[in-house]
Amino acid sequence: MLSDRLCKDLKAIASNFIPAKDLDDLTQEVFEQLLNMNSEKLEDLIEKGYIYRYFNRMCKFNYYSKNSRYYYTYNKMYELITFREHNEGLKLESIGKKYIDENLYNNIDADLINDLLSELYWYDRELFKLYVLGDSENNTYSYTSLSKKTGISRISIYYTIRSVKKYITKRLNEVKNDL
């Protein structure tokens, strides 16, 4: 199937249009995709000499597409977005009464909110922070504008924010009842 010589030739082709810092990761991802495809189709591509064009197209697709496995694996959302108060945590004032039940809001502190958010999966926590706080450039976001910024579907953002709000309210009720 893919001989060592063929792999080196294919990687040399990709080096003509892919930056060196991304070349190894990209070619490994494309080689993995080639090895996972139907072996008869791969053999046919190699025999007819179409493997070079196919590999070229796969590299370009994976490198430039926002929906490729390469993009999701090596260009992570949480590394590309910085938050205004990332190191200090989430400020209670920025959450405000519109995000938490008003009766609970009067009896909580910011450290408690930060502790509750730290219990969440990073995706939910960071998306909620971006929605509530905005980014490092003081931009605030609606569901639609956040969808455009991150490339995440609007409905997914809506359900994530909604579930985080419910989780915080539920946990605040638990904490309130324990006191």
N, C-alpha and C. Protein backbone atom coordinates (compact mmCIF):
# COMPACT_ATOMS: atom_id res chain seq x y z
N MET A 1 0.82 -1.18 0.00
CA MET A 1 0.00 0.00 0.00
C MET A 1 0.87 1.25 0.00
N LEU A 2 0.94 1.95 1.11
CA LEU A 2 1.75 3.17 1.19
C LEU A 2 3.17 2.79 1.57
N SER A 3 4.06 2.84 0.62
CA SER A 3 5.46 2.53 0.91
C SER A 3 6.14 3.74 1.54
N ASP A 4 7.30 3.49 2.11
CA ASP A 4 8.05 4.58 2.74
C ASP A 4 8.43 5.64 1.70
N ARG A 5 8.84 5.19 0.54
CA ARG A 5 9.22 6.12 -0.53
C ARG A 5 8.04 6.98 -0.98
N LEU A 6 6.87 6.35 -1.13
CA LEU A 6 5.68 7.08 -1.55
C LEU A 6 5.28 8.11 -0.49
N CYS A 7 5.37 7.75 0.78
CA CYS A 7 5.04 8.69 1.85
C CYS A 7 5.98 9.90 1.84
N LYS A 8 7.26 9.67 1.60
CA LYS A 8 8.22 10.78 1.54
C LYS A 8 7.92 11.68 0.35
N ASP A 9 7.57 11.08 -0.79
CA ASP A 9 7.22 11.88 -1.97
C ASP A 9 5.96 12.72 -1.72
N LEU A 10 4.97 12.11 -1.09
CA LEU A 10 3.73 12.83 -0.80
C LEU A 10 3.98 13.98 0.18
N LYS A 11 4.81 13.73 1.17
CA LYS A 11 5.12 14.78 2.14
C LYS A 11 5.88 15.93 1.46
N ALA A 12 6.76 15.59 0.53
CA ALA A 12 7.50 16.62 -0.21
C ALA A 12 6.55 17.48 -1.04
N ILE A 13 5.52 16.87 -1.59
CA ILE A 13 4.52 17.63 -2.35
C ILE A 13 3.78 18.60 -1.42
N ALA A 14 3.40 18.11 -0.25
CA ALA A 14 2.67 18.96 0.70
C ALA A 14 3.54 20.11 1.20
N SER A 15 4.85 19.91 1.26
CA SER A 15 5.74 20.96 1.75
C SER A 15 5.79 22.17 0.82
N ASN A 16 5.29 22.02 -0.41
CA ASN A 16 5.27 23.14 -1.35
C ASN A 16 4.19 24.17 -1.03
N PHE A 17 3.15 23.77 -0.31
CA PHE A 17 2.07 24.72 -0.05
C PHE A 17 1.60 24.76 1.41
N ILE A 18 2.20 23.98 2.28
CA ILE A 18 1.85 23.98 3.70
C ILE A 18 3.03 24.54 4.49
N PRO A 19 2.79 25.47 5.43
CA PRO A 19 3.89 25.99 6.25
C PRO A 19 4.58 24.88 7.03
N ALA A 20 5.87 25.02 7.24
CA ALA A 20 6.67 23.97 7.87
C ALA A 20 6.18 23.63 9.27
N LYS A 21 5.69 24.61 10.01
CA LYS A 21 5.25 24.36 11.38
C LYS A 21 4.02 23.44 11.43
N ASP A 22 3.24 23.39 10.37
CA ASP A 22 2.04 22.57 10.34
C ASP A 22 2.20 21.29 9.51
N LEU A 23 3.31 21.15 8.83
CA LEU A 23 3.48 20.07 7.85
C LEU A 23 3.40 18.68 8.47
N ASP A 24 4.12 18.43 9.54
CA ASP A 24 4.14 17.09 10.12
C ASP A 24 2.77 16.68 10.64
N ASP A 25 2.11 17.56 11.37
CA ASP A 25 0.79 17.24 11.92
C ASP A 25 -0.22 17.00 10.80
N LEU A 26 -0.19 17.86 9.80
CA LEU A 26 -1.14 17.74 8.70
C LEU A 26 -0.93 16.45 7.92
N THR A 27 0.30 16.17 7.55
CA THR A 27 0.55 14.96 6.76
C THR A 27 0.22 13.70 7.56
N GLN A 28 0.50 13.70 8.85
CA GLN A 28 0.14 12.53 9.66
C GLN A 28 -1.37 12.32 9.68
N GLU A 29 -2.10 13.40 9.79
CA GLU A 29 -3.56 13.32 9.80
C GLU A 29 -4.07 12.79 8.46
N VAL A 30 -3.51 13.26 7.36
CA VAL A 30 -3.96 12.81 6.04
C VAL A 30 -3.54 11.36 5.80
N PHE A 31 -2.34 10.98 6.23
CA PHE A 31 -1.93 9.57 6.09
C PHE A 31 -2.86 8.65 6.88
N GLU A 32 -3.26 9.09 8.05
CA GLU A 32 -4.20 8.30 8.85
C GLU A 32 -5.53 8.16 8.12
N GLN A 33 -5.99 9.24 7.50
CA GLN A 33 -7.24 9.17 6.74
C GLN A 33 -7.10 8.23 5.54
N LEU A 34 -5.94 8.25 4.89
CA LEU A 34 -5.71 7.35 3.76
C LEU A 34 -5.71 5.89 4.22
N LEU A 35 -5.08 5.62 5.34
CA LEU A 35 -5.01 4.24 5.83
C LEU A 35 -6.37 3.73 6.32
N ASN A 36 -7.24 4.63 6.72
CA ASN A 36 -8.57 4.24 7.18
C ASN A 36 -9.59 4.11 6.06
N MET A 37 -9.23 4.54 4.87
CA MET A 37 -10.17 4.44 3.76
C MET A 37 -10.18 3.02 3.19
N ASN A 38 -11.10 2.74 2.31
CA ASN A 38 -11.23 1.44 1.67
C ASN A 38 -9.90 1.08 0.99
N SER A 39 -9.36 -0.08 1.32
CA SER A 39 -8.04 -0.48 0.80
C SER A 39 -8.06 -0.67 -0.71
N GLU A 40 -9.19 -1.11 -1.27
CA GLU A 40 -9.27 -1.29 -2.72
C GLU A 40 -9.20 0.06 -3.43
N LYS A 41 -9.87 1.05 -2.87
CA LYS A 41 -9.84 2.40 -3.45
C LYS A 41 -8.43 2.98 -3.37
N LEU A 42 -7.76 2.78 -2.24
CA LEU A 42 -6.39 3.27 -2.08
C LEU A 42 -5.45 2.61 -3.07
N GLU A 43 -5.55 1.30 -3.23
CA GLU A 43 -4.72 0.58 -4.20
C GLU A 43 -4.97 1.08 -5.62
N ASP A 44 -6.23 1.34 -5.94
CA ASP A 44 -6.58 1.85 -7.26
C ASP A 44 -5.97 3.22 -7.51
N LEU A 45 -6.00 4.09 -6.49
CA LEU A 45 -5.39 5.42 -6.61
C LEU A 45 -3.89 5.31 -6.85
N ILE A 46 -3.24 4.41 -6.14
CA ILE A 46 -1.79 4.25 -6.28
C ILE A 46 -1.44 3.68 -7.65
N GLU A 47 -2.18 2.65 -8.08
CA GLU A 47 -1.89 2.02 -9.38
C GLU A 47 -2.07 2.98 -10.54
N LYS A 48 -3.09 3.80 -10.50
CA LYS A 48 -3.37 4.72 -11.60
C LYS A 48 -2.57 6.01 -11.51
N GLY A 49 -1.85 6.22 -10.40
CA GLY A 49 -1.05 7.42 -10.25
C GLY A 49 -1.83 8.64 -9.77
N TYR A 50 -3.07 8.43 -9.36
CA TYR A 50 -3.91 9.54 -8.89
C TYR A 50 -3.66 9.89 -7.42
N ILE A 51 -2.84 9.10 -6.76
CA ILE A 51 -2.61 9.31 -5.33
C ILE A 51 -2.02 10.69 -5.04
N TYR A 52 -1.19 11.19 -5.96
CA TYR A 52 -0.56 12.50 -5.74
C TYR A 52 -1.59 13.63 -5.74
N ARG A 53 -2.51 13.61 -6.71
CA ARG A 53 -3.55 14.62 -6.76
C ARG A 53 -4.52 14.47 -5.58
N TYR A 54 -4.84 13.23 -5.27
CA TYR A 54 -5.76 12.97 -4.16
C TYR A 54 -5.16 13.45 -2.84
N PHE A 55 -3.88 13.13 -2.62
CA PHE A 55 -3.20 13.55 -1.40
C PHE A 55 -3.12 15.08 -1.33
N ASN A 56 -2.80 15.71 -2.43
CA ASN A 56 -2.74 17.17 -2.52
C ASN A 56 -4.08 17.78 -2.14
N ARG A 57 -5.16 17.25 -2.69
CA ARG A 57 -6.49 17.76 -2.40
C ARG A 57 -6.86 17.53 -0.93
N MET A 58 -6.53 16.36 -0.40
CA MET A 58 -6.84 16.06 1.01
C MET A 58 -6.07 16.99 1.95
N CYS A 59 -4.82 17.27 1.63
CA CYS A 59 -4.02 18.18 2.46
C CYS A 59 -4.62 19.58 2.46
N LYS A 60 -4.97 20.06 1.29
CA LYS A 60 -5.55 21.40 1.20
C LYS A 60 -6.89 21.47 1.92
N PHE A 61 -7.70 20.44 1.72
CA PHE A 61 -9.00 20.42 2.40
C PHE A 61 -8.81 20.43 3.92
N ASN A 62 -7.96 19.58 4.43
CA ASN A 62 -7.75 19.50 5.88
C ASN A 62 -7.13 20.76 6.44
N TYR A 63 -6.25 21.39 5.69
CA TYR A 63 -5.56 22.58 6.20
C TYR A 63 -6.45 23.82 6.18
N TYR A 64 -7.23 24.00 5.13
CA TYR A 64 -8.00 25.23 4.98
C TYR A 64 -9.45 25.14 5.47
N SER A 65 -9.98 23.96 5.64
CA SER A 65 -11.37 23.81 6.05
C SER A 65 -11.52 23.96 7.56
N LYS A 66 -12.56 24.65 7.97
CA LYS A 66 -12.87 24.81 9.40
C LYS A 66 -13.62 23.60 9.94
N ASN A 67 -13.96 22.65 9.08
CA ASN A 67 -14.72 21.47 9.50
C ASN A 67 -13.90 20.19 9.45
N SER A 68 -12.63 20.27 9.18
CA SER A 68 -11.82 19.07 9.04
C SER A 68 -11.35 18.55 10.40
N ARG A 69 -10.96 17.28 10.41
CA ARG A 69 -10.42 16.69 11.63
C ARG A 69 -9.13 17.38 12.04
N TYR A 70 -8.32 17.76 11.08
CA TYR A 70 -7.07 18.45 11.39
C TYR A 70 -7.35 19.75 12.14
N TYR A 71 -8.32 20.53 11.65
CA TYR A 71 -8.64 21.80 12.28
C TYR A 71 -9.10 21.60 13.72
N TYR A 72 -9.99 20.63 13.95
CA TYR A 72 -10.49 20.39 15.30
C TYR A 72 -9.43 19.80 16.22
N THR A 73 -8.49 19.07 15.67
CA THR A 73 -7.46 18.47 16.49
C THR A 73 -6.36 19.45 16.86
N TYR A 74 -5.94 20.30 15.92
CA TYR A 74 -4.76 21.13 16.13
C TYR A 74 -5.03 22.62 16.30
N ASN A 75 -6.22 23.09 16.04
CA ASN A 75 -6.56 24.51 16.24
C ASN A 75 -7.72 24.60 17.21
N LYS A 76 -7.44 24.40 18.46
CA LYS A 76 -8.50 24.32 19.46
C LYS A 76 -9.04 25.69 19.80
N MET A 77 -10.35 25.72 19.99
CA MET A 77 -11.03 26.98 20.27
C MET A 77 -10.51 27.64 21.53
N TYR A 78 -10.29 26.86 22.58
CA TYR A 78 -9.92 27.47 23.86
C TYR A 78 -8.52 28.05 23.85
N GLU A 79 -7.69 27.72 22.88
CA GLU A 79 -6.37 28.33 22.80
C GLU A 79 -6.40 29.63 21.99
N LEU A 80 -7.40 29.79 21.15
CA LEU A 80 -7.47 30.95 20.27
C LEU A 80 -8.24 32.12 20.88
N ILE A 81 -8.98 31.88 21.95
CA ILE A 81 -9.81 32.91 22.54
C ILE A 81 -9.29 33.25 23.92
N THR A 82 -9.09 34.52 24.17
CA THR A 82 -8.66 34.94 25.51
C THR A 82 -9.77 35.73 26.15
N PHE A 83 -9.85 35.64 27.46
CA PHE A 83 -10.93 36.29 28.19
C PHE A 83 -10.40 37.49 28.94
N ARG A 84 -11.27 38.44 29.16
CA ARG A 84 -10.92 39.66 29.85
C ARG A 84 -10.41 39.37 31.26
N GLU A 85 -11.09 38.53 31.99
CA GLU A 85 -10.75 38.27 33.38
C GLU A 85 -10.37 36.81 33.56
N HIS A 86 -9.63 36.28 32.63
CA HIS A 86 -9.32 34.86 32.61
C HIS A 86 -8.59 34.41 33.88
N ASN A 87 -7.60 35.13 34.33
CA ASN A 87 -6.83 34.72 35.50
C ASN A 87 -7.55 35.05 36.81
N GLU A 88 -8.35 36.08 36.81
CA GLU A 88 -9.02 36.49 38.03
C GLU A 88 -10.30 35.70 38.28
N GLY A 89 -10.81 35.03 37.29
CA GLY A 89 -12.05 34.31 37.44
C GLY A 89 -13.25 35.16 37.04
N LEU A 90 -14.38 34.60 37.16
CA LEU A 90 -15.61 35.25 36.75
C LEU A 90 -16.10 36.17 37.86
N LYS A 91 -16.35 37.41 37.54
CA LYS A 91 -16.84 38.38 38.52
C LYS A 91 -18.35 38.27 38.65
N LEU A 92 -18.81 38.35 39.88
CA LEU A 92 -20.23 38.23 40.15
C LEU A 92 -21.03 39.33 39.44
N GLU A 93 -20.49 40.53 39.41
CA GLU A 93 -21.20 41.64 38.79
C GLU A 93 -21.42 41.40 37.30
N SER A 94 -20.51 40.72 36.67
CA SER A 94 -20.64 40.49 35.24
C SER A 94 -21.71 39.44 34.94
N ILE A 95 -21.99 38.58 35.90
CA ILE A 95 -23.05 37.59 35.69
C ILE A 95 -24.39 38.28 35.82
N GLY A 96 -24.54 39.03 36.90
CA GLY A 96 -25.74 39.82 37.08
C GLY A 96 -27.00 39.00 37.30
N LYS A 97 -28.08 39.71 37.54
CA LYS A 97 -29.35 39.08 37.85
C LYS A 97 -29.99 38.42 36.63
N LYS A 98 -29.56 38.81 35.43
CA LYS A 98 -30.21 38.23 34.26
C LYS A 98 -29.76 36.79 34.00
N TYR A 99 -28.67 36.36 34.62
CA TYR A 99 -28.18 35.00 34.40
C TYR A 99 -28.52 34.06 35.55
N ILE A 100 -28.80 34.60 36.72
CA ILE A 100 -29.08 33.78 37.89
C ILE A 100 -30.37 34.28 38.53
N ASP A 101 -31.11 33.35 39.12
CA ASP A 101 -32.34 33.69 39.81
C ASP A 101 -32.08 34.80 40.83
N GLU A 102 -32.95 35.82 40.85
CA GLU A 102 -32.72 37.01 41.67
C GLU A 102 -32.64 36.70 43.16
N ASN A 103 -33.43 35.75 43.63
CA ASN A 103 -33.40 35.40 45.06
C ASN A 103 -32.05 34.79 45.45
N LEU A 104 -31.46 34.02 44.55
CA LEU A 104 -30.16 33.41 44.84
C LEU A 104 -29.04 34.43 44.70
N TYR A 105 -29.21 35.36 43.78
CA TYR A 105 -28.15 36.33 43.48
C TYR A 105 -27.80 37.18 44.70
N ASN A 106 -28.77 37.52 45.51
CA ASN A 106 -28.53 38.39 46.66
C ASN A 106 -27.72 37.71 47.76
N ASN A 107 -27.63 36.38 47.74
CA ASN A 107 -26.99 35.66 48.84
C ASN A 107 -25.73 34.90 48.44
N ILE A 108 -25.07 35.26 47.35
CA ILE A 108 -23.90 34.50 46.90
C ILE A 108 -22.71 35.43 46.70
N ASP A 109 -21.55 34.82 46.58
CA ASP A 109 -20.35 35.60 46.30
C ASP A 109 -19.66 35.08 45.04
N ALA A 110 -18.74 35.84 44.53
CA ALA A 110 -18.09 35.52 43.25
C ALA A 110 -17.24 34.26 43.35
N ASP A 111 -16.61 34.02 44.50
CA ASP A 111 -15.79 32.82 44.65
C ASP A 111 -16.62 31.56 44.51
N LEU A 112 -17.83 31.60 45.03
CA LEU A 112 -18.72 30.45 44.91
C LEU A 112 -19.07 30.17 43.45
N ILE A 113 -19.34 31.22 42.70
CA ILE A 113 -19.64 31.06 41.27
C ILE A 113 -18.43 30.47 40.55
N ASN A 114 -17.24 30.97 40.84
CA ASN A 114 -16.04 30.44 40.20
C ASN A 114 -15.82 28.98 40.56
N ASP A 115 -16.11 28.61 41.81
CA ASP A 115 -15.98 27.21 42.21
C ASP A 115 -16.97 26.33 41.47
N LEU A 116 -18.18 26.82 41.31
CA LEU A 116 -19.19 26.05 40.59
C LEU A 116 -18.82 25.90 39.12
N LEU A 117 -18.29 26.96 38.54
CA LEU A 117 -17.87 26.88 37.13
C LEU A 117 -16.68 25.95 36.95
N SER A 118 -15.83 25.85 37.95
CA SER A 118 -14.67 24.96 37.83
C SER A 118 -15.08 23.49 37.83
N GLU A 119 -16.30 23.19 38.26
CA GLU A 119 -16.81 21.82 38.24
C GLU A 119 -17.24 21.39 36.84
N LEU A 120 -17.44 22.36 35.96
CA LEU A 120 -17.94 22.08 34.63
C LEU A 120 -16.82 21.65 33.68
N TYR A 121 -17.22 21.00 32.61
CA TYR A 121 -16.30 20.66 31.54
C TYR A 121 -15.78 21.95 30.91
N TRP A 122 -14.51 21.98 30.45
CA TRP A 122 -13.88 23.22 29.98
C TRP A 122 -14.68 23.89 28.87
N TYR A 123 -15.27 23.10 27.97
CA TYR A 123 -16.02 23.66 26.85
C TYR A 123 -17.19 24.48 27.36
N ASP A 124 -17.97 23.91 28.28
CA ASP A 124 -19.13 24.61 28.83
C ASP A 124 -18.69 25.86 29.59
N ARG A 125 -17.68 25.71 30.40
CA ARG A 125 -17.20 26.83 31.23
C ARG A 125 -16.69 27.98 30.37
N GLU A 126 -15.83 27.69 29.41
CA GLU A 126 -15.22 28.73 28.59
C GLU A 126 -16.25 29.39 27.67
N LEU A 127 -17.17 28.62 27.14
CA LEU A 127 -18.21 29.20 26.30
C LEU A 127 -19.11 30.12 27.12
N PHE A 128 -19.44 29.72 28.33
CA PHE A 128 -20.24 30.56 29.22
C PHE A 128 -19.49 31.84 29.57
N LYS A 129 -18.21 31.74 29.87
CA LYS A 129 -17.42 32.93 30.19
C LYS A 129 -17.35 33.88 29.00
N LEU A 130 -17.17 33.32 27.83
CA LEU A 130 -17.11 34.16 26.64
C LEU A 130 -18.45 34.86 26.40
N TYR A 131 -19.53 34.17 26.63
CA TYR A 131 -20.86 34.76 26.46
C TYR A 131 -21.12 35.85 27.50
N VAL A 132 -20.74 35.59 28.75
CA VAL A 132 -21.02 36.53 29.83
C VAL A 132 -20.03 37.68 29.86
N LEU A 133 -18.73 37.36 29.78
CA LEU A 133 -17.70 38.38 29.94
C LEU A 133 -17.30 39.07 28.65
N GLY A 134 -17.36 38.34 27.56
CA GLY A 134 -16.81 38.86 26.32
C GLY A 134 -15.37 38.42 26.19
N ASP A 135 -14.67 38.97 25.23
CA ASP A 135 -13.28 38.55 25.01
C ASP A 135 -12.31 39.62 25.49
N SER A 136 -11.04 39.43 25.20
CA SER A 136 -10.00 40.35 25.67
C SER A 136 -10.09 41.74 25.02
N GLU A 137 -10.81 41.85 23.93
CA GLU A 137 -10.98 43.13 23.24
C GLU A 137 -12.27 43.84 23.67
N ASN A 138 -12.84 43.41 24.78
CA ASN A 138 -14.07 43.97 25.35
C ASN A 138 -15.28 43.84 24.43
N ASN A 139 -15.28 42.85 23.55
CA ASN A 139 -16.45 42.57 22.73
C ASN A 139 -17.41 41.69 23.51
N THR A 140 -18.69 42.03 23.49
CA THR A 140 -19.69 41.16 24.08
C THR A 140 -20.43 40.47 22.95
N TYR A 141 -21.03 39.32 23.26
CA TYR A 141 -21.58 38.50 22.20
C TYR A 141 -23.01 38.07 22.48
N SER A 142 -23.77 38.00 21.41
CA SER A 142 -25.07 37.35 21.42
C SER A 142 -24.82 35.91 20.95
N TYR A 143 -25.85 35.09 20.94
CA TYR A 143 -25.66 33.72 20.45
C TYR A 143 -25.17 33.72 19.00
N THR A 144 -25.74 34.58 18.18
CA THR A 144 -25.38 34.62 16.76
C THR A 144 -23.95 35.11 16.56
N SER A 145 -23.58 36.19 17.22
CA SER A 145 -22.22 36.71 17.04
C SER A 145 -21.18 35.76 17.65
N LEU A 146 -21.53 35.08 18.73
CA LEU A 146 -20.63 34.09 19.32
C LEU A 146 -20.47 32.90 18.38
N SER A 147 -21.53 32.55 17.70
CA SER A 147 -21.46 31.47 16.71
C SER A 147 -20.53 31.83 15.57
N LYS A 148 -20.59 33.07 15.12
CA LYS A 148 -19.71 33.52 14.04
C LYS A 148 -18.25 33.55 14.49
N LYS A 149 -18.02 33.95 15.74
CA LYS A 149 -16.65 34.05 16.25
C LYS A 149 -16.01 32.68 16.43
N THR A 150 -16.77 31.72 16.98
CA THR A 150 -16.19 30.43 17.33
C THR A 150 -16.36 29.36 16.27
N GLY A 151 -17.35 29.54 15.38
CA GLY A 151 -17.62 28.50 14.40
C GLY A 151 -18.50 27.39 14.95
N ILE A 152 -19.02 27.57 16.16
CA ILE A 152 -19.92 26.60 16.78
C ILE A 152 -21.34 27.00 16.39
N SER A 153 -22.19 26.02 16.15
CA SER A 153 -23.55 26.35 15.74
C SER A 153 -24.29 27.12 16.83
N ARG A 154 -25.18 27.98 16.40
CA ARG A 154 -25.92 28.84 17.33
C ARG A 154 -26.76 28.00 18.29
N ILE A 155 -27.38 26.96 17.78
CA ILE A 155 -28.24 26.14 18.63
C ILE A 155 -27.42 25.40 19.68
N SER A 156 -26.22 24.99 19.33
CA SER A 156 -25.33 24.33 20.29
C SER A 156 -24.92 25.30 21.39
N ILE A 157 -24.63 26.53 21.01
CA ILE A 157 -24.29 27.56 22.00
C ILE A 157 -25.48 27.82 22.92
N TYR A 158 -26.66 27.92 22.34
CA TYR A 158 -27.87 28.16 23.13
C TYR A 158 -28.05 27.07 24.18
N TYR A 159 -27.97 25.80 23.76
CA TYR A 159 -28.18 24.70 24.70
C TYR A 159 -27.07 24.62 25.75
N THR A 160 -25.86 24.94 25.37
CA THR A 160 -24.76 24.92 26.33
C THR A 160 -24.94 26.00 27.39
N ILE A 161 -25.24 27.22 26.96
CA ILE A 161 -25.44 28.33 27.91
C ILE A 161 -26.63 28.03 28.82
N ARG A 162 -27.68 27.52 28.24
CA ARG A 162 -28.87 27.18 29.02
C ARG A 162 -28.56 26.12 30.07
N SER A 163 -27.81 25.09 29.68
CA SER A 163 -27.49 24.03 30.64
C SER A 163 -26.56 24.53 31.75
N VAL A 164 -25.64 25.45 31.42
CA VAL A 164 -24.76 26.02 32.45
C VAL A 164 -25.58 26.86 33.42
N LYS A 165 -26.52 27.65 32.92
CA LYS A 165 -27.37 28.45 33.80
C LYS A 165 -28.16 27.54 34.75
N LYS A 166 -28.73 26.47 34.20
CA LYS A 166 -29.50 25.54 35.03
C LYS A 166 -28.60 24.87 36.08
N TYR A 167 -27.41 24.50 35.65
CA TYR A 167 -26.48 23.84 36.57
C TYR A 167 -26.10 24.79 37.71
N ILE A 168 -25.77 26.03 37.39
CA ILE A 168 -25.38 27.00 38.43
C ILE A 168 -26.55 27.23 39.40
N THR A 169 -27.74 27.39 38.86
CA THR A 169 -28.91 27.61 39.71
C THR A 169 -29.15 26.41 40.61
N LYS A 170 -29.05 25.21 40.06
CA LYS A 170 -29.25 23.99 40.84
C LYS A 170 -28.22 23.87 41.96
N ARG A 171 -26.96 24.11 41.61
CA ARG A 171 -25.88 24.01 42.61
C ARG A 171 -26.00 25.10 43.66
N LEU A 172 -26.42 26.30 43.27
CA LEU A 172 -26.61 27.36 44.25
C LEU A 172 -27.73 27.02 45.22
N ASN A 173 -28.79 26.40 44.72
CA ASN A 173 -29.87 25.94 45.61
C ASN A 173 -29.37 24.89 46.58
N GLU A 174 -28.53 23.98 46.09
CA GLU A 174 -27.96 22.94 46.97
C GLU A 174 -27.10 23.58 48.04
N VAL A 175 -26.26 24.51 47.66
CA VAL A 175 -25.38 25.18 48.63
C VAL A 175 -26.20 25.97 49.64
N LYS A 176 -27.23 26.65 49.15
CA LYS A 176 -28.08 27.46 50.03
C LYS A 176 -28.79 26.57 51.07
N ASN A 177 -29.25 25.40 50.64
CA ASN A 177 -29.95 24.49 51.55
C ASN A 177 -29.00 23.82 52.54
N ASP A 178 -27.75 23.66 52.15
CA ASP A 178 -26.77 23.07 53.08
C ASP A 178 -26.37 24.03 54.18
N LEU A 179 -26.44 25.36 53.92
CA LEU A 179 -26.05 26.35 54.92
C LEU A 179 -27.07 26.50 55.94
